[in-house]
Amino acid sequence: MRLFHRGAFPLAALLVLAVPQTAHAAHGKFTFQYDVAGHTRTAALRDPVDGACLDVTGSVGASGRAAFARNLTDRPATLYMSIDCEDDGVALPPGGSHDKPFKTVRFG
């Protein structure tokens, strides 16, 4: 008795390849400090998606830019002063920290 038709395995392989892949994410936490009305606040991005340009200041309602970052993820991050991650960024390896102003970050 045959349990599978000859075409079952190629069809199964095709279905596996046709299913959309999920986005990769850095595992861990990226923390940063920012200013709101003269008060320093701390926020975090948890398991951020690779490749996306993330506006850290806009996401928390900060005035201006973030001023300190710590990359506690397993992926490198790049910090930018531009809102679109297009300027020369500053590399921040896993476990690294940065104390200069930035507005956006990209992982991967």
C-alpha atoms as a PDB file:
ATOM      1  CA  MET A   1       0.000   0.000   0.000  1.00  0.00           C
ATOM      2  CA  ARG A   2       1.377   3.405  -1.022  1.00  0.00           C
ATOM      3  CA  LEU A   3       0.757   6.206   1.431  1.00  0.00           C
ATOM      4  CA  PHE A   4       1.796   9.090  -0.840  1.00  0.00           C
ATOM      5  CA  HIS A   5       1.258   9.850  -4.492  1.00  0.00           C
ATOM      6  CA  ARG A   6       4.414  10.493  -6.544  1.00  0.00           C
ATOM      7  CA  GLY A   7       3.578  14.157  -6.933  1.00  0.00           C
ATOM      8  CA  ALA A   8       3.019  14.722  -3.207  1.00  0.00           C
ATOM      9  CA  PHE A   9       6.625  15.519  -2.291  1.00  0.00           C
ATOM     10  CA  PRO A  10       7.270  18.053  -5.076  1.00  0.00           C
ATOM     11  CA  LEU A  11       3.916  19.665  -4.321  1.00  0.00           C
ATOM     12  CA  ALA A  12       4.748  19.862  -0.602  1.00  0.00           C
ATOM     13  CA  ALA A  13       8.139  21.423  -1.386  1.00  0.00           C
ATOM     14  CA  LEU A  14       6.484  23.981  -3.652  1.00  0.00           C
ATOM     15  CA  LEU A  15       3.999  24.917  -0.930  1.00  0.00           C
ATOM     16  CA  VAL A  16       6.779  25.406   1.620  1.00  0.00           C
ATOM     17  CA  LEU A  17       8.617  27.729  -0.763  1.00  0.00           C
ATOM     18  CA  ALA A  18       5.438  29.630  -1.640  1.00  0.00           C
ATOM     19  CA  VAL A  19       4.585  30.512   1.968  1.00  0.00           C
ATOM     20  CA  PRO A  20       5.811  34.057   2.747  1.00  0.00           C
ATOM     21  CA  GLN A  21       8.747  34.180   5.107  1.00  0.00           C
ATOM     22  CA  THR A  22       8.458  36.178   8.316  1.00  0.00           C
ATOM     23  CA  ALA A  23      10.649  39.233   8.821  1.00  0.00           C
ATOM     24  CA  HIS A  24      13.851  38.677  10.736  1.00  0.00           C
ATOM     25  CA  ALA A  25      14.220  40.542  13.985  1.00  0.00           C
ATOM     26  CA  ALA A  26      17.061  41.344  16.290  1.00  0.00           C
ATOM     27  CA  HIS A  27      16.548  39.493  19.545  1.00  0.00           C
ATOM     28  CA  GLY A  28      16.882  41.583  22.671  1.00  0.00           C
ATOM     29  CA  LYS A  29      16.382  45.174  23.661  1.00  0.00           C
ATOM     30  CA  PHE A  30      17.654  48.494  22.318  1.00  0.00           C
ATOM     31  CA  THR A  31      17.404  51.215  24.972  1.00  0.00           C
ATOM     32  CA  PHE A  32      17.715  54.959  24.459  1.00  0.00           C
ATOM     33  CA  GLN A  33      17.254  58.199  26.369  1.00  0.00           C
ATOM     34  CA  TYR A  34      15.396  61.249  25.075  1.00  0.00           C
ATOM     35  CA  ASP A  35      14.110  64.599  26.292  1.00  0.00           C
ATOM     36  CA  VAL A  36      10.484  65.611  26.884  1.00  0.00           C
ATOM     37  CA  ALA A  37       9.935  69.140  28.203  1.00  0.00           C
ATOM     38  CA  GLY A  38      13.370  69.216  29.798  1.00  0.00           C
ATOM     39  CA  HIS A  39      13.063  65.804  31.478  1.00  0.00           C
ATOM     40  CA  THR A  40      15.189  62.820  30.474  1.00  0.00           C
ATOM     41  CA  ARG A  41      13.196  59.663  29.764  1.00  0.00           C
ATOM     42  CA  THR A  42      14.287  56.135  28.873  1.00  0.00           C
ATOM     43  CA  ALA A  43      12.555  53.900  26.322  1.00  0.00           C
ATOM     44  CA  ALA A  44      13.272  50.574  24.644  1.00  0.00           C
ATOM     45  CA  LEU A  45      12.662  48.779  21.368  1.00  0.00           C
ATOM     46  CA  ARG A  46      12.176  45.052  21.949  1.00  0.00           C
ATOM     47  CA  ASP A  47      13.109  42.589  19.190  1.00  0.00           C
ATOM     48  CA  PRO A  48      13.263  45.283  16.461  1.00  0.00           C
ATOM     49  CA  VAL A  49      12.801  44.212  12.828  1.00  0.00           C
ATOM     50  CA  ASP A  50      15.936  44.064  10.674  1.00  0.00           C
ATOM     51  CA  GLY A  51      16.241  46.549   7.825  1.00  0.00           C
ATOM     52  CA  ALA A  52      13.512  48.976   8.891  1.00  0.00           C
ATOM     53  CA  CYS A  53      14.391  52.628   9.511  1.00  0.00           C
ATOM     54  CA  LEU A  54      12.958  53.237  12.987  1.00  0.00           C
ATOM     55  CA  ASP A  55      12.233  56.800  14.117  1.00  0.00           C
ATOM     56  CA  VAL A  56      12.955  56.548  17.831  1.00  0.00           C
ATOM     57  CA  THR A  57      12.113  60.151  18.659  1.00  0.00           C
ATOM     58  CA  GLY A  58       8.792  60.204  16.833  1.00  0.00           C
ATOM     59  CA  SER A  59       7.721  56.937  18.423  1.00  0.00           C
ATOM     60  CA  VAL A  60       7.924  58.391  21.932  1.00  0.00           C
ATOM     61  CA  GLY A  61       6.936  62.013  21.297  1.00  0.00           C
ATOM     62  CA  ALA A  62      10.404  63.302  22.089  1.00  0.00           C
ATOM     63  CA  SER A  63      11.499  66.790  21.234  1.00  0.00           C
ATOM     64  CA  GLY A  64      14.526  66.725  18.963  1.00  0.00           C
ATOM     65  CA  ARG A  65      16.518  63.522  19.187  1.00  0.00           C
ATOM     66  CA  ALA A  66      17.656  60.682  21.370  1.00  0.00           C
ATOM     67  CA  ALA A  67      20.895  61.289  23.242  1.00  0.00           C
ATOM     68  CA  PHE A  68      22.116  57.914  24.490  1.00  0.00           C
ATOM     69  CA  ALA A  69      21.726  54.368  23.156  1.00  0.00           C
ATOM     70  CA  ARG A  70      22.618  50.881  24.330  1.00  0.00           C
ATOM     71  CA  ASN A  71      22.339  47.956  21.915  1.00  0.00           C
ATOM     72  CA  LEU A  72      21.387  44.906  23.962  1.00  0.00           C
ATOM     73  CA  THR A  73      20.293  42.941  20.872  1.00  0.00           C
ATOM     74  CA  ASP A  74      22.114  40.191  18.991  1.00  0.00           C
ATOM     75  CA  ARG A  75      22.378  42.295  15.791  1.00  0.00           C
ATOM     76  CA  PRO A  76      24.434  45.363  14.885  1.00  0.00           C
ATOM     77  CA  ALA A  77      22.555  48.661  14.781  1.00  0.00           C
ATOM     78  CA  THR A  78      23.299  51.808  12.800  1.00  0.00           C
ATOM     79  CA  LEU A  79      22.322  55.182  14.270  1.00  0.00           C
ATOM     80  CA  TYR A  80      21.419  58.132  12.023  1.00  0.00           C
ATOM     81  CA  MET A  81      20.776  61.852  12.420  1.00  0.00           C
ATOM     82  CA  SER A  82      18.414  61.936   9.422  1.00  0.00           C
ATOM     83  CA  ILE A  83      14.772  60.924   9.646  1.00  0.00           C
ATOM     84  CA  ASP A  84      15.142  58.530   6.675  1.00  0.00           C
ATOM     85  CA  CYS A  85      18.371  56.665   7.617  1.00  0.00           C
ATOM     86  CA  GLU A  86      20.120  58.148   4.561  1.00  0.00           C
ATOM     87  CA  ASP A  87      23.093  59.997   6.082  1.00  0.00           C
ATOM     88  CA  ASP A  88      26.374  58.469   7.196  1.00  0.00           C
ATOM     89  CA  GLY A  89      25.397  56.346  10.154  1.00  0.00           C
ATOM     90  CA  VAL A  90      27.319  55.321  13.242  1.00  0.00           C
ATOM     91  CA  ALA A  91      27.720  51.563  13.739  1.00  0.00           C
ATOM     92  CA  LEU A  92      26.740  50.174  17.125  1.00  0.00           C
ATOM     93  CA  PRO A  93      27.660  46.501  17.641  1.00  0.00           C
ATOM     94  CA  PRO A  94      25.713  44.154  19.916  1.00  0.00           C
ATOM     95  CA  GLY A  95      26.484  45.118  23.512  1.00  0.00           C
ATOM     96  CA  GLY A  96      27.738  48.555  22.465  1.00  0.00           C
ATOM     97  CA  SER A  97      26.640  51.995  23.615  1.00  0.00           C
ATOM     98  CA  HIS A  98      26.650  55.464  22.055  1.00  0.00           C
ATOM     99  CA  ASP A  99      26.335  58.847  23.762  1.00  0.00           C
ATOM    100  CA  LYS A 100      25.858  61.202  20.783  1.00  0.00           C
ATOM    101  CA  PRO A 101      22.495  62.477  19.448  1.00  0.00           C
ATOM    102  CA  PHE A 102      20.586  60.448  16.831  1.00  0.00           C
ATOM    103  CA  LYS A 103      17.039  60.305  15.421  1.00  0.00           C
ATOM    104  CA  THR A 104      16.690  56.950  13.714  1.00  0.00           C
ATOM    105  CA  VAL A 105      18.126  53.439  13.922  1.00  0.00           C
ATOM    106  CA  ARG A 106      18.334  50.437  11.585  1.00  0.00           C
ATOM    107  CA  PHE A 107      19.210  46.861  12.609  1.00  0.00           C
ATOM    108  CA  GLY A 108      20.861  44.099  10.627  1.00  0.00           C
END
